[in-house]
Amino acid sequence: MNNKPLPASTPVETTPRMDDAVSPRAWVSIAITWVGFFIFVVGTKPDYFSWDRSPVVGFVQIAVFLVGLAFICLGGYIGLHMLWWGIERTITSDIGSRLVGTGYVIAVFAGLADVFGMGSQSFPAVPYFGPWQASGVLIGQGVIAFGFLLMIPFQFPWNRNRK
């Protein structure tokens, strides 16, 4: 074996440039959010597309709008995390990203309370998405919105030129 060192070559830039990562992440974030919004609308109001087959909100419909909410959270997280490209994230932003996940967990457990055995309907009955479950999902969505608000990188005049 030849143990000679490799010849020196021109240095390769390994640090990502600002224009390399922001644009694709923005488009991916927007696409995921819109797909999630479509799935969420199909789950909440399937009669908008003439897909409503039941007078009640059942398990499949709840699961579909929760999957749509997950896509919305993922797309929003990717988009807002992209805004921090090139600057150090603050503790407020970290708390916001954790609140997004916590709000989603609150929404899932509130929406599927009957399935988990904590709702107003016992197991043999069809899961019922009543006012208590709707209130819990709205509280979860409020926590998600507050988390997204905390993730916004507000630029104040004294730290505008940070890198």
Protein backbone atom coordinates (compact mmCIF):
# COMPACT_ATOMS: atom_id res chain seq x y z
CA MET A 1 0.00 0.00 0.00
CA ASN A 2 1.09 3.50 -0.75
CA ASN A 3 0.90 5.71 2.36
CA LYS A 4 1.86 8.96 0.65
CA PRO A 5 -0.28 11.98 1.55
CA LEU A 6 -2.66 13.22 -1.08
CA PRO A 7 -1.57 16.33 -2.98
CA ALA A 8 -3.03 19.61 -1.78
CA SER A 9 -5.96 20.79 -3.81
CA THR A 10 -8.01 23.91 -3.92
CA PRO A 11 -10.14 24.36 -0.81
CA VAL A 12 -13.80 23.52 -1.11
CA GLU A 13 -16.34 25.75 0.55
CA THR A 14 -18.27 23.58 3.01
CA THR A 15 -20.33 26.20 4.81
CA PRO A 16 -23.81 26.57 3.36
CA ARG A 17 -24.64 29.84 1.70
CA MET A 18 -27.82 31.71 2.55
CA ASP A 19 -29.35 31.28 -0.90
CA ASP A 20 -28.62 27.53 -0.99
CA ALA A 21 -30.97 26.45 1.79
CA VAL A 22 -33.63 29.10 2.14
CA SER A 23 -35.42 28.85 -1.18
CA PRO A 24 -35.94 25.06 -1.34
CA ARG A 25 -36.98 24.93 2.31
CA ALA A 26 -39.47 27.73 1.77
CA TRP A 27 -41.10 25.93 -1.15
CA VAL A 28 -41.15 22.61 0.69
CA SER A 29 -42.65 24.32 3.73
CA ILE A 30 -45.36 26.00 1.70
CA ALA A 31 -46.17 22.79 -0.19
CA ILE A 32 -46.41 20.69 2.99
CA THR A 33 -48.58 23.33 4.67
CA TRP A 34 -51.00 23.51 1.72
CA VAL A 35 -51.25 19.72 1.48
CA GLY A 36 -51.93 19.65 5.22
CA PHE A 37 -54.56 22.35 4.89
CA PHE A 38 -56.32 20.39 2.15
CA ILE A 39 -56.29 17.21 4.25
CA PHE A 40 -57.49 19.20 7.28
CA VAL A 41 -60.41 20.67 5.31
CA VAL A 42 -61.33 17.22 3.96
CA GLY A 43 -61.39 15.94 7.54
CA THR A 44 -63.36 18.80 9.03
CA LYS A 45 -65.82 19.49 6.20
CA PRO A 46 -65.96 16.60 3.71
CA ASP A 47 -69.31 17.89 2.45
CA TYR A 48 -67.39 20.74 0.70
CA PHE A 49 -66.21 18.04 -1.73
CA SER A 50 -69.44 15.98 -1.59
CA TRP A 51 -67.59 13.25 0.32
CA ASP A 52 -69.72 13.34 3.47
CA ARG A 53 -71.19 9.87 4.09
CA SER A 54 -72.28 10.20 7.70
CA PRO A 55 -74.30 12.70 9.72
CA VAL A 56 -71.84 12.42 12.65
CA VAL A 57 -68.13 13.07 12.93
CA GLY A 58 -66.59 9.61 13.30
CA PHE A 59 -63.16 8.16 13.91
CA VAL A 60 -61.97 8.32 10.29
CA GLN A 61 -62.97 11.95 9.93
CA ILE A 62 -61.23 12.86 13.22
CA ALA A 63 -58.10 10.95 12.20
CA VAL A 64 -58.01 12.67 8.80
CA PHE A 65 -58.20 16.19 10.17
CA LEU A 66 -55.58 15.34 12.81
CA VAL A 67 -53.25 14.08 10.06
CA GLY A 68 -53.89 17.34 8.19
CA LEU A 69 -53.08 19.29 11.36
CA ALA A 70 -49.83 17.32 11.65
CA PHE A 71 -48.85 18.34 8.11
CA ILE A 72 -49.70 21.97 8.88
CA CYS A 73 -47.53 21.84 12.00
CA LEU A 74 -44.66 20.22 10.09
CA GLY A 75 -44.80 22.74 7.25
CA GLY A 76 -45.02 25.67 9.63
CA TYR A 77 -42.14 24.35 11.69
CA ILE A 78 -39.92 23.91 8.63
CA GLY A 79 -40.81 27.39 7.36
CA LEU A 80 -40.27 29.21 10.63
CA HIS A 81 -37.12 27.24 11.42
CA MET A 82 -35.80 28.29 8.00
CA LEU A 83 -36.10 31.96 8.99
CA TRP A 84 -33.42 31.38 11.62
CA TRP A 85 -30.88 30.34 8.95
CA GLY A 86 -27.57 32.00 9.67
CA ILE A 87 -28.39 33.27 13.17
CA GLU A 88 -28.47 31.50 16.50
CA ARG A 89 -31.91 30.47 17.71
CA THR A 90 -33.12 31.95 20.96
CA ILE A 91 -34.59 30.12 23.92
CA THR A 92 -37.94 31.68 23.03
CA SER A 93 -37.81 30.03 19.63
CA ASP A 94 -36.94 26.68 21.22
CA ILE A 95 -39.87 27.02 23.61
CA GLY A 96 -42.10 27.87 20.64
CA SER A 97 -41.06 24.77 18.73
CA ARG A 98 -41.81 22.62 21.77
CA LEU A 99 -45.18 24.33 22.20
CA VAL A 100 -46.07 23.40 18.62
CA GLY A 101 -45.50 19.74 19.44
CA THR A 102 -47.30 20.03 22.78
CA GLY A 103 -50.29 21.70 21.15
CA TYR A 104 -50.49 18.92 18.60
CA VAL A 105 -50.43 16.28 21.34
CA ILE A 106 -53.23 18.17 23.16
CA ALA A 107 -55.27 18.25 19.94
CA VAL A 108 -54.74 14.53 19.29
CA PHE A 109 -55.70 13.45 22.78
CA ALA A 110 -58.71 15.75 22.83
CA GLY A 111 -59.87 14.67 19.37
CA LEU A 112 -59.42 10.96 20.04
CA ALA A 113 -60.61 11.02 23.66
CA ASP A 114 -63.41 8.53 22.96
CA VAL A 115 -60.99 6.16 21.23
CA PHE A 116 -58.60 6.32 24.19
CA GLY A 117 -61.47 5.67 26.62
CA MET A 118 -61.47 9.13 28.19
CA GLY A 119 -64.39 10.64 26.31
CA SER A 120 -68.13 10.70 26.81
CA GLN A 121 -68.80 7.55 24.73
CA SER A 122 -67.75 4.13 25.96
CA PHE A 123 -65.90 1.72 23.61
CA PRO A 124 -68.74 -0.21 21.94
CA ALA A 125 -70.41 3.04 20.89
CA VAL A 126 -69.27 5.02 17.86
CA PRO A 127 -66.74 7.73 18.81
CA TYR A 128 -68.47 11.07 19.15
CA PHE A 129 -66.75 14.38 18.46
CA GLY A 130 -68.72 16.55 20.82
CA PRO A 131 -68.30 20.03 22.27
CA TRP A 132 -65.72 18.92 24.86
CA GLN A 133 -63.53 17.31 22.24
CA ALA A 134 -63.92 20.31 19.94
CA SER A 135 -62.91 22.64 22.78
CA GLY A 136 -59.84 20.52 23.49
CA VAL A 137 -58.80 20.54 19.84
CA LEU A 138 -59.25 24.33 19.72
CA ILE A 139 -57.11 24.71 22.85
CA GLY A 140 -54.44 22.54 21.20
CA GLN A 141 -54.59 24.68 18.05
CA GLY A 142 -54.25 27.81 20.19
CA VAL A 143 -51.11 26.38 21.81
CA ILE A 144 -49.77 25.56 18.32
CA ALA A 145 -50.46 29.12 17.14
CA PHE A 146 -48.75 30.58 20.22
CA GLY A 147 -45.76 28.32 19.59
CA PHE A 148 -45.54 29.51 15.99
CA LEU A 149 -45.70 33.10 17.22
CA LEU A 150 -42.77 32.47 19.55
CA MET A 151 -40.74 30.94 16.70
CA ILE A 152 -40.79 34.14 14.62
CA PRO A 153 -37.30 35.71 14.55
CA PHE A 154 -38.09 39.30 15.43
CA GLN A 155 -35.16 41.51 14.39
CA PHE A 156 -34.59 44.45 16.69
CA PRO A 157 -32.37 47.38 15.65
CA TRP A 158 -29.60 46.41 18.07
CA ASN A 159 -29.19 42.88 16.70
CA ARG A 160 -29.99 43.29 13.03
CA ASN A 161 -26.41 42.75 11.82
CA ARG A 162 -25.81 39.45 13.64
CA LYS A 163 -24.42 36.44 11.83
